[in-house]
Every structure is written in C-alpha cells, then in structure tokens.
Amino acid sequence: MRILLVDDERELVSTLAERLSFRGIDADWVISGEDALKKAETETYDLAVLDVKMPRISGIKLKGMLEAKYPDMKFIFMTGHGSEDDFRAGSANAYYLVKPIGIEALVSKINEALALDT
C-alpha cells in the first residue's frame, strides 16, 4: 500500500510519514495541494491523508480534484477545527481524524479505509 500525506505543517506531515514507515507503510508527504497534484501524477497512491484547512487548495477541494483523476483512491481528512460531523456533509466516502493525530489512530483509520485487517 502507498499513502500520500498532505498537510501545510511540515513537521507534522514528515513525522507522520516517518512513523508510518516504521510500521511498514510506504508514505510520501507534501506540504501543499499543488504539490500533491504533481506527486499523484508521477506515483500511484491507494490513499491520501489530507489536512482540511490549507492555503490555496483546501483538503476538501483537493479530494475532489484527486478523486476525479483517480477514482479508486481512498481519503482520510485530518482537521484541527470542528468534528467529523462538520465535514461529513461536504465530502462523502472519506474518513476523518481530529488533530492532534495519534499514529495508532491513523494506522487504524488507514486499515479501515483500505478494508484491511488490523
């Protein structure tokens, strides 16, 4: 499985990628929606973990853009604002985590999104 992490907080997203790699999950990371779109053109991802609030391209908008090109890609939103219910209406077929993100919670949500055994 290959994961793309997208968050404008460089330290957070790089740390999550490193911790996922310790658990055998191949994860690339970028700090903008524009970088995510470029990365997705050159790599194949099973799942994208997206920050909801980012400059220029929000995570919700980015999901729509990625989903249009890669309909099999799954999505997890990370948010430090609000709750899962706040975002459910704006983006169906996605999973949600509220920041701060624990690595075990993220791994569990990745497994759930990809319908893997935990």
PDB file of N, CA and C in Angstrom:
ATOM      1  N   MET A   1       0.842  -1.177   0.000  1.00  0.00           N
ATOM      2  CA  MET A   1       0.000   0.000   0.000  1.00  0.00           C
ATOM      3  C   MET A   1       0.883   1.235   0.000  1.00  0.00           C
ATOM      4  N   ARG A   2       0.430   2.260  -0.684  1.00  0.00           N
ATOM      5  CA  ARG A   2       1.183   3.515  -0.799  1.00  0.00           C
ATOM      6  C   ARG A   2       0.256   4.669  -0.418  1.00  0.00           C
ATOM      7  N   ILE A   3       0.752   5.539   0.475  1.00  0.00           N
ATOM      8  CA  ILE A   3      -0.035   6.620   1.052  1.00  0.00           C
ATOM      9  C   ILE A   3       0.592   7.961   0.689  1.00  0.00           C
ATOM     10  N   LEU A   4      -0.256   8.958   0.419  1.00  0.00           N
ATOM     11  CA  LEU A   4       0.197  10.332   0.229  1.00  0.00           C
ATOM     12  C   LEU A   4      -0.345  11.171   1.378  1.00  0.00           C
ATOM     13  N   LEU A   5       0.557  11.807   2.117  1.00  0.00           N
ATOM     14  CA  LEU A   5       0.183  12.687   3.228  1.00  0.00           C
ATOM     15  C   LEU A   5       0.314  14.133   2.774  1.00  0.00           C
ATOM     16  N   VAL A   6      -0.739  14.932   3.015  1.00  0.00           N
ATOM     17  CA  VAL A   6      -0.728  16.326   2.575  1.00  0.00           C
ATOM     18  C   VAL A   6      -1.162  17.213   3.739  1.00  0.00           C
ATOM     19  N   ASP A   7      -0.234  18.059   4.194  1.00  0.00           N
ATOM     20  CA  ASP A   7      -0.524  18.993   5.285  1.00  0.00           C
ATOM     21  C   ASP A   7       0.456  20.144   5.186  1.00  0.00           C
ATOM     22  N   ASP A   8       0.008  21.360   5.422  1.00  0.00           N
ATOM     23  CA  ASP A   8       0.907  22.510   5.336  1.00  0.00           C
ATOM     24  C   ASP A   8       1.812  22.645   6.563  1.00  0.00           C
ATOM     25  N   GLU A   9       1.649  21.778   7.549  1.00  0.00           N
ATOM     26  CA  GLU A   9       2.544  21.737   8.708  1.00  0.00           C
ATOM     27  C   GLU A   9       3.638  20.708   8.430  1.00  0.00           C
ATOM     28  N   ARG A  10       4.775  21.191   7.958  1.00  0.00           N
ATOM     29  CA  ARG A  10       5.873  20.320   7.522  1.00  0.00           C
ATOM     30  C   ARG A  10       6.300  19.329   8.612  1.00  0.00           C
ATOM     31  N   GLU A  11       6.472  19.806   9.817  1.00  0.00           N
ATOM     32  CA  GLU A  11       6.940  18.924  10.890  1.00  0.00           C
ATOM     33  C   GLU A  11       5.947  17.801  11.161  1.00  0.00           C
ATOM     34  N   LEU A  12       4.667  18.128  11.186  1.00  0.00           N
ATOM     35  CA  LEU A  12       3.632  17.115  11.429  1.00  0.00           C
ATOM     36  C   LEU A  12       3.641  16.060  10.338  1.00  0.00           C
ATOM     37  N   VAL A  13       3.583  16.487   9.091  1.00  0.00           N
ATOM     38  CA  VAL A  13       3.428  15.545   7.993  1.00  0.00           C
ATOM     39  C   VAL A  13       4.692  14.696   7.793  1.00  0.00           C
ATOM     40  N   SER A  14       5.868  15.281   7.997  1.00  0.00           N
ATOM     41  CA  SER A  14       7.091  14.490   7.859  1.00  0.00           C
ATOM     42  C   SER A  14       7.210  13.470   8.990  1.00  0.00           C
ATOM     43  N   THR A  15       6.793  13.863  10.191  1.00  0.00           N
ATOM     44  CA  THR A  15       6.823  12.937  11.332  1.00  0.00           C
ATOM     45  C   THR A  15       5.839  11.790  11.132  1.00  0.00           C
ATOM     46  N   LEU A  16       4.639  12.090  10.647  1.00  0.00           N
ATOM     47  CA  LEU A  16       3.663  11.028  10.381  1.00  0.00           C
ATOM     48  C   LEU A  16       4.203  10.045   9.343  1.00  0.00           C
ATOM     49  N   ALA A  17       4.821  10.567   8.286  1.00  0.00           N
ATOM     50  CA  ALA A  17       5.377   9.693   7.248  1.00  0.00           C
ATOM     51  C   ALA A  17       6.461   8.784   7.819  1.00  0.00           C
ATOM     52  N   GLU A  18       7.310   9.354   8.655  1.00  0.00           N
ATOM     53  CA  GLU A  18       8.380   8.568   9.271  1.00  0.00           C
ATOM     54  C   GLU A  18       7.799   7.482  10.176  1.00  0.00           C
ATOM     55  N   ARG A  19       6.819   7.831  10.973  1.00  0.00           N
ATOM     56  CA  ARG A  19       6.212   6.842  11.876  1.00  0.00           C
ATOM     57  C   ARG A  19       5.462   5.763  11.115  1.00  0.00           C
ATOM     58  N   LEU A  20       4.832   6.127  10.014  1.00  0.00           N
ATOM     59  CA  LEU A  20       4.170   5.109   9.194  1.00  0.00           C
ATOM     60  C   LEU A  20       5.201   4.156   8.596  1.00  0.00           C
ATOM     61  N   SER A  21       6.337   4.689   8.171  1.00  0.00           N
ATOM     62  CA  SER A  21       7.367   3.822   7.586  1.00  0.00           C
ATOM     63  C   SER A  21       7.878   2.810   8.609  1.00  0.00           C
ATOM     64  N   PHE A  22       7.948   3.201   9.884  1.00  0.00           N
ATOM     65  CA  PHE A  22       8.346   2.266  10.939  1.00  0.00           C
ATOM     66  C   PHE A  22       7.356   1.113  11.067  1.00  0.00           C
ATOM     67  N   ARG A  23       6.136   1.321  10.596  1.00  0.00           N
ATOM     68  CA  ARG A  23       5.095   0.292  10.659  1.00  0.00           C
ATOM     69  C   ARG A  23       4.907  -0.404   9.311  1.00  0.00           C
ATOM     70  N   GLY A  24       5.846  -0.197   8.404  1.00  0.00           N
ATOM     71  CA  GLY A  24       5.813  -0.879   7.115  1.00  0.00           C
ATOM     72  C   GLY A  24       4.879  -0.267   6.098  1.00  0.00           C
ATOM     73  N   ILE A  25       4.458   0.970   6.320  1.00  0.00           N
ATOM     74  CA  ILE A  25       3.555   1.639   5.391  1.00  0.00           C
ATOM     75  C   ILE A  25       4.365   2.663   4.589  1.00  0.00           C
ATOM     76  N   ASP A  26       4.341   2.521   3.274  1.00  0.00           N
ATOM     77  CA  ASP A  26       5.081   3.410   2.385  1.00  0.00           C
ATOM     78  C   ASP A  26       4.301   4.715   2.231  1.00  0.00           C
ATOM     79  N   ALA A  27       4.863   5.820   2.733  1.00  0.00           N
ATOM     80  CA  ALA A  27       4.160   7.102   2.720  1.00  0.00           C
ATOM     81  C   ALA A  27       5.060   8.211   2.205  1.00  0.00           C
ATOM     82  N   ASP A  28       4.554   8.949   1.223  1.00  0.00           N
ATOM     83  CA  ASP A  28       5.194  10.168   0.755  1.00  0.00           C
ATOM     84  C   ASP A  28       4.457  11.347   1.381  1.00  0.00           C
ATOM     85  N   TRP A  29       5.121  12.484   1.482  1.00  0.00           N
ATOM     86  CA  TRP A  29       4.456  13.649   2.047  1.00  0.00           C
ATOM     87  C   TRP A  29       4.783  14.897   1.253  1.00  0.00           C
ATOM     88  N   VAL A  30       3.826  15.812   1.228  1.00  0.00           N
ATOM     89  CA  VAL A  30       3.974  17.123   0.602  1.00  0.00           C
ATOM     90  C   VAL A  30       3.268  18.148   1.486  1.00  0.00           C
ATOM     91  N   ILE A  31       3.554  19.439   1.233  1.00  0.00           N
ATOM     92  CA  ILE A  31       3.006  20.482   2.106  1.00  0.00           C
ATOM     93  C   ILE A  31       2.004  21.402   1.415  1.00  0.00           C
ATOM     94  N   SER A  32       1.524  21.016   0.235  1.00  0.00           N
ATOM     95  CA  SER A  32       0.508  21.833  -0.427  1.00  0.00           C
ATOM     96  C   SER A  32      -0.333  20.978  -1.367  1.00  0.00           C
ATOM     97  N   GLY A  33      -1.501  21.504  -1.682  1.00  0.00           N
ATOM     98  CA  GLY A  33      -2.358  20.826  -2.643  1.00  0.00           C
ATOM     99  C   GLY A  33      -1.727  20.745  -4.018  1.00  0.00           C
ATOM    100  N   GLU A  34      -1.035  21.807  -4.407  1.00  0.00           N
ATOM    101  CA  GLU A  34      -0.372  21.824  -5.707  1.00  0.00           C
ATOM    102  C   GLU A  34       0.689  20.732  -5.784  1.00  0.00           C
ATOM    103  N   ASP A  35       1.471  20.602  -4.719  1.00  0.00           N
ATOM    104  CA  ASP A  35       2.495  19.551  -4.680  1.00  0.00           C
ATOM    105  C   ASP A  35       1.857  18.160  -4.701  1.00  0.00           C
ATOM    106  N   ALA A  36       0.716  18.022  -4.047  1.00  0.00           N
ATOM    107  CA  ALA A  36       0.013  16.729  -4.040  1.00  0.00           C
ATOM    108  C   ALA A  36      -0.430  16.339  -5.442  1.00  0.00           C
ATOM    109  N   LEU A  37      -0.957  17.295  -6.189  1.00  0.00           N
ATOM    110  CA  LEU A  37      -1.403  17.002  -7.551  1.00  0.00           C
ATOM    111  C   LEU A  37      -0.225  16.582  -8.431  1.00  0.00           C
ATOM    112  N   LYS A  38       0.909  17.261  -8.284  1.00  0.00           N
ATOM    113  CA  LYS A  38       2.112  16.901  -9.050  1.00  0.00           C
ATOM    114  C   LYS A  38       2.606  15.507  -8.669  1.00  0.00           C
ATOM    115  N   LYS A  39       2.630  15.229  -7.371  1.00  0.00           N
ATOM    116  CA  LYS A  39       3.118  13.931  -6.885  1.00  0.00           C
ATOM    117  C   LYS A  39       2.227  12.795  -7.385  1.00  0.00           C
ATOM    118  N   ALA A  40       0.914  13.028  -7.381  1.00  0.00           N
ATOM    119  CA  ALA A  40      -0.032  11.994  -7.812  1.00  0.00           C
ATOM    120  C   ALA A  40       0.086  11.691  -9.305  1.00  0.00           C
ATOM    121  N   GLU A  41       0.650  12.628 -10.072  1.00  0.00           N
ATOM    122  CA  GLU A  41       0.855  12.378 -11.497  1.00  0.00           C
ATOM    123  C   GLU A  41       2.012  11.422 -11.749  1.00  0.00           C
ATOM    124  N   THR A  42       2.944  11.346 -10.801  1.00  0.00           N
ATOM    125  CA  THR A  42       4.137  10.523 -11.013  1.00  0.00           C
ATOM    126  C   THR A  42       4.150   9.244 -10.185  1.00  0.00           C
ATOM    127  N   GLU A  43       3.296   9.164  -9.190  1.00  0.00           N
ATOM    128  CA  GLU A  43       3.239   7.990  -8.305  1.00  0.00           C
ATOM    129  C   GLU A  43       1.796   7.493  -8.231  1.00  0.00           C
ATOM    130  N   THR A  44       1.629   6.235  -7.865  1.00  0.00           N
ATOM    131  CA  THR A  44       0.298   5.666  -7.660  1.00  0.00           C
ATOM    132  C   THR A  44       0.054   5.528  -6.171  1.00  0.00           C
ATOM    133  N   TYR A  45      -1.062   6.073  -5.703  1.00  0.00           N
ATOM    134  CA  TYR A  45      -1.406   6.027  -4.283  1.00  0.00           C
ATOM    135  C   TYR A  45      -2.734   5.320  -4.081  1.00  0.00           C
ATOM    136  N   ASP A  46      -2.781   4.521  -3.022  1.00  0.00           N
ATOM    137  CA  ASP A  46      -4.022   3.857  -2.641  1.00  0.00           C
ATOM    138  C   ASP A  46      -4.899   4.784  -1.812  1.00  0.00           C
ATOM    139  N   LEU A  47      -4.236   5.692  -1.088  1.00  0.00           N
ATOM    140  CA  LEU A  47      -4.955   6.526  -0.121  1.00  0.00           C
ATOM    141  C   LEU A  47      -4.218   7.848   0.046  1.00  0.00           C
ATOM    142  N   ALA A  48      -4.992   8.925   0.240  1.00  0.00           N
ATOM    143  CA  ALA A  48      -4.408  10.226   0.559  1.00  0.00           C
ATOM    144  C   ALA A  48      -4.960  10.686   1.896  1.00  0.00           C
ATOM    145  N   VAL A  49      -4.070  11.169   2.752  1.00  0.00           N
ATOM    146  CA  VAL A  49      -4.448  11.753   4.040  1.00  0.00           C
ATOM    147  C   VAL A  49      -4.292  13.256   3.878  1.00  0.00           C
ATOM    148  N   LEU A  50      -5.408  13.977   3.990  1.00  0.00           N
ATOM    149  CA  LEU A  50      -5.441  15.394   3.651  1.00  0.00           C
ATOM    150  C   LEU A  50      -5.817  16.264   4.838  1.00  0.00           C
ATOM    151  N   ASP A  51      -5.045  17.329   5.045  1.00  0.00           N
ATOM    152  CA  ASP A  51      -5.436  18.354   6.006  1.00  0.00           C
ATOM    153  C   ASP A  51      -6.621  19.101   5.405  1.00  0.00           C
ATOM    154  N   VAL A  52      -7.632  19.398   6.200  1.00  0.00           N
ATOM    155  CA  VAL A  52      -8.814  20.087   5.691  1.00  0.00           C
ATOM    156  C   VAL A  52      -8.494  21.535   5.330  1.00  0.00           C
ATOM    157  N   LYS A  53      -7.823  22.248   6.230  1.00  0.00           N
ATOM    158  CA  LYS A  53      -7.554  23.674   6.014  1.00  0.00           C
ATOM    159  C   LYS A  53      -6.108  23.879   5.601  1.00  0.00           C
ATOM    160  N   MET A  54      -5.941  24.199   4.312  1.00  0.00           N
ATOM    161  CA  MET A  54      -4.620  24.517   3.778  1.00  0.00           C
ATOM    162  C   MET A  54      -4.755  25.750   2.894  1.00  0.00           C
ATOM    163  N   PRO A  55      -3.675  26.507   2.739  1.00  0.00           N
ATOM    164  CA  PRO A  55      -3.731  27.665   1.845  1.00  0.00           C
ATOM    165  C   PRO A  55      -3.996  27.241   0.396  1.00  0.00           C
ATOM    166  N   ARG A  56      -4.634  28.076  -0.355  1.00  0.00           N
ATOM    167  CA  ARG A  56      -4.917  27.939  -1.788  1.00  0.00           C
ATOM    168  C   ARG A  56      -5.861  26.790  -2.128  1.00  0.00           C
ATOM    169  N   ILE A  57      -5.510  25.555  -1.822  1.00  0.00           N
ATOM    170  CA  ILE A  57      -6.384  24.407  -2.136  1.00  0.00           C
ATOM    171  C   ILE A  57      -6.705  23.696  -0.826  1.00  0.00           C
ATOM    172  N   SER A  58      -7.950  23.741  -0.405  1.00  0.00           N
ATOM    173  CA  SER A  58      -8.349  23.054   0.831  1.00  0.00           C
ATOM    174  C   SER A  58      -8.305  21.546   0.609  1.00  0.00           C
ATOM    175  N   GLY A  59      -8.275  20.815   1.705  1.00  0.00           N
ATOM    176  CA  GLY A  59      -8.291  19.365   1.601  1.00  0.00           C
ATOM    177  C   GLY A  59      -9.544  18.840   0.927  1.00  0.00           C
ATOM    178  N   ILE A  60     -10.672  19.479   1.182  1.00  0.00           N
ATOM    179  CA  ILE A  60     -11.928  19.036   0.568  1.00  0.00           C
ATOM    180  C   ILE A  60     -11.890  19.266  -0.945  1.00  0.00           C
ATOM    181  N   LYS A  61     -11.386  20.427  -1.358  1.00  0.00           N
ATOM    182  CA  LYS A  61     -11.258  20.695  -2.795  1.00  0.00           C
ATOM    183  C   LYS A  61     -10.239  19.745  -3.428  1.00  0.00           C
ATOM    184  N   LEU A  62      -9.132  19.514  -2.745  1.00  0.00           N
ATOM    185  CA  LEU A  62      -8.100  18.612  -3.251  1.00  0.00           C
ATOM    186  C   LEU A  62      -8.647  17.199  -3.423  1.00  0.00           C
ATOM    187  N   LYS A  63      -9.459  16.756  -2.486  1.00  0.00           N
ATOM    188  CA  LYS A  63     -10.067  15.427  -2.615  1.00  0.00           C
ATOM    189  C   LYS A  63     -10.846  15.326  -3.917  1.00  0.00           C
ATOM    190  N   GLY A  64     -11.647  16.336  -4.209  1.00  0.00           N
ATOM    191  CA  GLY A  64     -12.428  16.322  -5.443  1.00  0.00           C
ATOM    192  C   GLY A  64     -11.558  16.270  -6.681  1.00  0.00           C
ATOM    193  N   MET A  65     -10.464  17.013  -6.664  1.00  0.00           N
ATOM    194  CA  MET A  65      -9.548  17.042  -7.805  1.00  0.00           C
ATOM    195  C   MET A  65      -8.848  15.695  -7.990  1.00  0.00           C
ATOM    196  N   LEU A  66      -8.395  15.107  -6.892  1.00  0.00           N
ATOM    197  CA  LEU A  66      -7.730  13.805  -6.968  1.00  0.00           C
ATOM    198  C   LEU A  66      -8.718  12.706  -7.343  1.00  0.00           C
ATOM    199  N   GLU A  67      -9.885  12.759  -6.746  1.00  0.00           N
ATOM    200  CA  GLU A  67     -10.906  11.735  -6.994  1.00  0.00           C
ATOM    201  C   GLU A  67     -11.345  11.726  -8.459  1.00  0.00           C
ATOM    202  N   ALA A  68     -11.377  12.905  -9.084  1.00  0.00           N
ATOM    203  CA  ALA A  68     -11.762  12.985 -10.496  1.00  0.00           C
ATOM    204  C   ALA A  68     -10.768  12.252 -11.387  1.00  0.00           C
ATOM    205  N   LYS A  69      -9.482  12.318 -11.039  1.00  0.00           N
ATOM    206  CA  LYS A  69      -8.439  11.662 -11.832  1.00  0.00           C
ATOM    207  C   LYS A  69      -8.178  10.230 -11.402  1.00  0.00           C
ATOM    208  N   TYR A  70      -8.360   9.965 -10.103  1.00  0.00           N
ATOM    209  CA  TYR A  70      -8.012   8.660  -9.531  1.00  0.00           C
ATOM    210  C   TYR A  70      -9.207   8.146  -8.709  1.00  0.00           C
ATOM    211  N   PRO A  71     -10.237   7.648  -9.383  1.00  0.00           N
ATOM    212  CA  PRO A  71     -11.483   7.295  -8.682  1.00  0.00           C
ATOM    213  C   PRO A  71     -11.355   6.174  -7.655  1.00  0.00           C
ATOM    214  N   ASP A  72     -10.308   5.384  -7.713  1.00  0.00           N
ATOM    215  CA  ASP A  72     -10.135   4.303  -6.742  1.00  0.00           C
ATOM    216  C   ASP A  72      -9.401   4.745  -5.481  1.00  0.00           C
ATOM    217  N   MET A  73      -8.874   5.959  -5.473  1.00  0.00           N
ATOM    218  CA  MET A  73      -8.139   6.445  -4.312  1.00  0.00           C
ATOM    219  C   MET A  73      -9.091   6.655  -3.143  1.00  0.00           C
ATOM    220  N   LYS A  74      -8.647   6.282  -1.955  1.00  0.00           N
ATOM    221  CA  LYS A  74      -9.401   6.495  -0.722  1.00  0.00           C
ATOM    222  C   LYS A  74      -8.844   7.737  -0.016  1.00  0.00           C
ATOM    223  N   PHE A  75      -9.627   8.296   0.914  1.00  0.00           N
ATOM    224  CA  PHE A  75      -9.236   9.548   1.561  1.00  0.00           C
ATOM    225  C   PHE A  75      -9.509   9.539   3.051  1.00  0.00           C
ATOM    226  N   ILE A  76      -8.594  10.158   3.782  1.00  0.00           N
ATOM    227  CA  ILE A  76      -8.773  10.435   5.202  1.00  0.00           C
ATOM    228  C   ILE A  76      -8.503  11.920   5.378  1.00  0.00           C
ATOM    229  N   PHE A  77      -9.408  12.609   6.060  1.00  0.00           N
ATOM    230  CA  PHE A  77      -9.200  14.020   6.381  1.00  0.00           C
ATOM    231  C   PHE A  77      -8.651  14.148   7.790  1.00  0.00           C
ATOM    232  N   MET A  78      -7.725  15.089   7.958  1.00  0.00           N
ATOM    233  CA  MET A  78      -7.235  15.476   9.282  1.00  0.00           C
ATOM    234  C   MET A  78      -7.714  16.907   9.505  1.00  0.00           C
ATOM    235  N   THR A  79      -8.223  17.186  10.693  1.00  0.00           N
ATOM    236  CA  THR A  79      -8.659  18.544  10.973  1.00  0.00           C
ATOM    237  C   THR A  79      -8.378  18.917  12.418  1.00  0.00           C
ATOM    238  N   GLY A  80      -7.988  20.133  12.597  1.00  0.00           N
ATOM    239  CA  GLY A  80      -7.837  20.677  13.934  1.00  0.00           C
ATOM    240  C   GLY A  80      -9.010  21.566  14.277  1.00  0.00           C
ATOM    241  N   HIS A  81      -9.975  21.634  13.368  1.00  0.00           N
ATOM    242  CA  HIS A  81     -11.123  22.529  13.523  1.00  0.00           C
ATOM    243  C   HIS A  81     -12.409  21.735  13.347  1.00  0.00           C
ATOM    244  N   GLY A  82     -13.226  21.707  14.365  1.00  0.00           N
ATOM    245  CA  GLY A  82     -14.508  21.029  14.244  1.00  0.00           C
ATOM    246  C   GLY A  82     -14.420  19.552  14.544  1.00  0.00           C
ATOM    247  N   SER A  83     -15.404  18.839  14.025  1.00  0.00           N
ATOM    248  CA  SER A  83     -15.514  17.408  14.279  1.00  0.00           C
ATOM    249  C   SER A  83     -15.868  16.698  12.983  1.00  0.00           C
ATOM    250  N   GLU A  84     -15.900  15.397  13.061  1.00  0.00           N
ATOM    251  CA  GLU A  84     -16.248  14.588  11.887  1.00  0.00           C
ATOM    252  C   GLU A  84     -17.589  15.016  11.307  1.00  0.00           C
ATOM    253  N   ASP A  85     -18.567  15.286  12.152  1.00  0.00           N
ATOM    254  CA  ASP A  85     -19.894  15.670  11.676  1.00  0.00           C
ATOM    255  C   ASP A  85     -19.858  16.964  10.873  1.00  0.00           C
ATOM    256  N   ASP A  86     -18.934  17.873  11.199  1.00  0.00           N
ATOM    257  CA  ASP A  86     -18.828  19.132  10.479  1.00  0.00           C
ATOM    258  C   ASP A  86     -18.431  18.924   9.022  1.00  0.00           C
ATOM    259  N   PHE A  87     -17.719  17.844   8.725  1.00  0.00           N
ATOM    260  CA  PHE A  87     -17.192  17.637   7.385  1.00  0.00           C
ATOM    261  C   PHE A  87     -17.905  16.542   6.613  1.00  0.00           C
ATOM    262  N   ARG A  88     -18.689  15.745   7.260  1.00  0.00           N
ATOM    263  CA  ARG A  88     -19.359  14.623   6.608  1.00  0.00           C
ATOM    264  C   ARG A  88     -20.215  15.094   5.430  1.00  0.00           C
ATOM    265  N   ALA A  89     -20.944  16.181   5.601  1.00  0.00           N
ATOM    266  CA  ALA A  89     -21.815  16.654   4.533  1.00  0.00           C
ATOM    267  C   ALA A  89     -21.016  17.152   3.329  1.00  0.00           C
ATOM    268  N   GLY A  90     -19.834  17.707   3.570  1.00  0.00           N
ATOM    269  CA  GLY A  90     -19.040  18.275   2.489  1.00  0.00           C
ATOM    270  C   GLY A  90     -18.279  17.254   1.677  1.00  0.00           C
ATOM    271  N   SER A  91     -18.118  16.058   2.194  1.00  0.00           N
ATOM    272  CA  SER A  91     -17.316  15.087   1.465  1.00  0.00           C
ATOM    273  C   SER A  91     -17.669  13.669   1.892  1.00  0.00           C
ATOM    274  N   ALA A  92     -18.496  13.051   1.106  1.00  0.00           N
ATOM    275  CA  ALA A  92     -18.882  11.668   1.387  1.00  0.00           C
ATOM    276  C   ALA A  92     -17.728  10.735   1.032  1.00  0.00           C
ATOM    277  N   ASN A  93     -17.804   9.532   1.493  1.00  0.00           N
ATOM    278  CA  ASN A  93     -16.830   8.490   1.175  1.00  0.00           C
ATOM    279  C   ASN A  93     -15.410   8.838   1.617  1.00  0.00           C
ATOM    280  N   ALA A  94     -15.290   9.469   2.763  1.00  0.00           N
ATOM    281  CA  ALA A  94     -13.978   9.770   3.321  1.00  0.00           C
ATOM    282  C   ALA A  94     -14.013   9.483   4.817  1.00  0.00           C
ATOM    283  N   TYR A  95     -12.842   9.330   5.388  1.00  0.00           N
ATOM    284  CA  TYR A  95     -12.697   9.098   6.824  1.00  0.00           C
ATOM    285  C   TYR A  95     -12.087  10.341   7.441  1.00  0.00           C
ATOM    286  N   TYR A  96     -12.218  10.473   8.760  1.00  0.00           N
ATOM    287  CA  TYR A  96     -11.815  11.699   9.438  1.00  0.00           C
ATOM    288  C   TYR A  96     -11.066  11.409  10.718  1.00  0.00           C
ATOM    289  N   LEU A  97     -10.072  12.254  11.011  1.00  0.00           N
ATOM    290  CA  LEU A  97      -9.363  12.228  12.279  1.00  0.00           C
ATOM    291  C   LEU A  97      -9.210  13.669  12.761  1.00  0.00           C
ATOM    292  N   VAL A  98      -9.371  13.872  14.055  1.00  0.00           N
ATOM    293  CA  VAL A  98      -9.216  15.202  14.639  1.00  0.00           C
ATOM    294  C   VAL A  98      -7.812  15.314  15.209  1.00  0.00           C
ATOM    295  N   LYS A  99      -7.120  16.416  14.867  1.00  0.00           N
ATOM    296  CA  LYS A  99      -5.769  16.676  15.389  1.00  0.00           C
ATOM    297  C   LYS A  99      -5.845  17.012  16.859  1.00  0.00           C
ATOM    298  N   PRO A 100      -4.849  16.676  17.647  1.00  0.00           N
ATOM    299  CA  PRO A 100      -3.608  16.018  17.240  1.00  0.00           C
ATOM    300  C   PRO A 100      -3.848  14.550  16.901  1.00  0.00           C
ATOM    301  N   ILE A 101      -3.140  14.073  15.909  1.00  0.00           N
ATOM    302  CA  ILE A 101      -3.305  12.714  15.390  1.00  0.00           C
ATOM    303  C   ILE A 101      -2.341  11.764  16.092  1.00  0.00           C
ATOM    304  N   GLY A 102      -2.880  10.728  16.683  1.00  0.00           N
ATOM    305  CA  GLY A 102      -2.044   9.658  17.230  1.00  0.00           C
ATOM    306  C   GLY A 102      -1.725   8.678  16.117  1.00  0.00           C
ATOM    307  N   ILE A 103      -0.516   8.180  16.085  1.00  0.00           N
ATOM    308  CA  ILE A 103      -0.105   7.304  14.993  1.00  0.00           C
ATOM    309  C   ILE A 103      -0.933   6.019  14.953  1.00  0.00           C
ATOM    310  N   GLU A 104      -1.282   5.475  16.112  1.00  0.00           N
ATOM    311  CA  GLU A 104      -2.097   4.246  16.115  1.00  0.00           C
ATOM    312  C   GLU A 104      -3.494   4.507  15.565  1.00  0.00           C
ATOM    313  N   ALA A 105      -4.050   5.677  15.884  1.00  0.00           N
ATOM    314  CA  ALA A 105      -5.363   6.037  15.339  1.00  0.00           C
ATOM    315  C   ALA A 105      -5.288   6.190  13.827  1.00  0.00           C
ATOM    316  N   LEU A 106      -4.197   6.776  13.337  1.00  0.00           N
ATOM    317  CA  LEU A 106      -4.026   6.931  11.892  1.00  0.00           C
ATOM    318  C   LEU A 106      -3.884   5.579  11.212  1.00  0.00           C
ATOM    319  N   VAL A 107      -3.070   4.705  11.761  1.00  0.00           N
ATOM    320  CA  VAL A 107      -2.897   3.368  11.180  1.00  0.00           C
ATOM    321  C   VAL A 107      -4.222   2.623  11.161  1.00  0.00           C
ATOM    322  N   SER A 108      -4.964   2.724  12.236  1.00  0.00           N
ATOM    323  CA  SER A 108      -6.275   2.073  12.308  1.00  0.00           C
ATOM    324  C   SER A 108      -7.218   2.610  11.235  1.00  0.00           C
ATOM    325  N   LYS A 109      -7.226   3.934  11.049  1.00  0.00           N
ATOM    326  CA  LYS A 109      -8.104   4.554  10.052  1.00  0.00           C
ATOM    327  C   LYS A 109      -7.654   4.193   8.639  1.00  0.00           C
ATOM    328  N   ILE A 110      -6.348   4.098   8.410  1.00  0.00           N
ATOM    329  CA  ILE A 110      -5.835   3.659   7.108  1.00  0.00           C
ATOM    330  C   ILE A 110      -6.319   2.238   6.819  1.00  0.00           C
ATOM    331  N   ASN A 111      -6.183   1.367   7.792  1.00  0.00           N
ATOM    332  CA  ASN A 111      -6.644  -0.014   7.619  1.00  0.00           C
ATOM    333  C   ASN A 111      -8.142  -0.071   7.367  1.00  0.00           C
ATOM    334  N   GLU A 112      -8.896   0.734   8.088  1.00  0.00           N
ATOM    335  CA  GLU A 112     -10.344   0.777   7.887  1.00  0.00           C
ATOM    336  C   GLU A 112     -10.685   1.275   6.480  1.00  0.00           C
ATOM    337  N   ALA A 113     -10.028   2.337   6.054  1.00  0.00           N
ATOM    338  CA  ALA A 113     -10.316   2.924   4.742  1.00  0.00           C
ATOM    339  C   ALA A 113      -9.978   1.959   3.611  1.00  0.00           C
ATOM    340  N   LEU A 114      -8.911   1.210   3.785  1.00  0.00           N
ATOM    341  CA  LEU A 114      -8.492   0.262   2.755  1.00  0.00           C
ATOM    342  C   LEU A 114      -9.047  -1.131   2.973  1.00  0.00           C
ATOM    343  N   ALA A 115      -9.916  -1.254   3.991  1.00  0.00           N
ATOM    344  CA  ALA A 115     -10.576  -2.535   4.306  1.00  0.00           C
ATOM    345  C   ALA A 115      -9.561  -3.647   4.534  1.00  0.00           C
ATOM    346  N   LEU A 116      -8.525  -3.311   5.318  1.00  0.00           N
ATOM    347  CA  LEU A 116      -7.503  -4.289   5.676  1.00  0.00           C
ATOM    348  C   LEU A 116      -7.753  -4.808   7.082  1.00  0.00           C
ATOM    349  N   ASP A 117      -7.211  -5.963   7.380  1.00  0.00           N
ATOM    350  CA  ASP A 117      -7.266  -6.461   8.756  1.00  0.00           C
ATOM    351  C   ASP A 117      -6.289  -5.690   9.604  1.00  0.00           C
ATOM    352  N   THR A 118      -6.707  -5.300  10.818  1.00  0.00           N
ATOM    353  CA  THR A 118      -5.802  -4.573  11.711  1.00  0.00           C
ATOM    354  C   THR A 118      -5.042  -5.543  12.570  1.00  0.00           C
TER     355      THR A 118
END
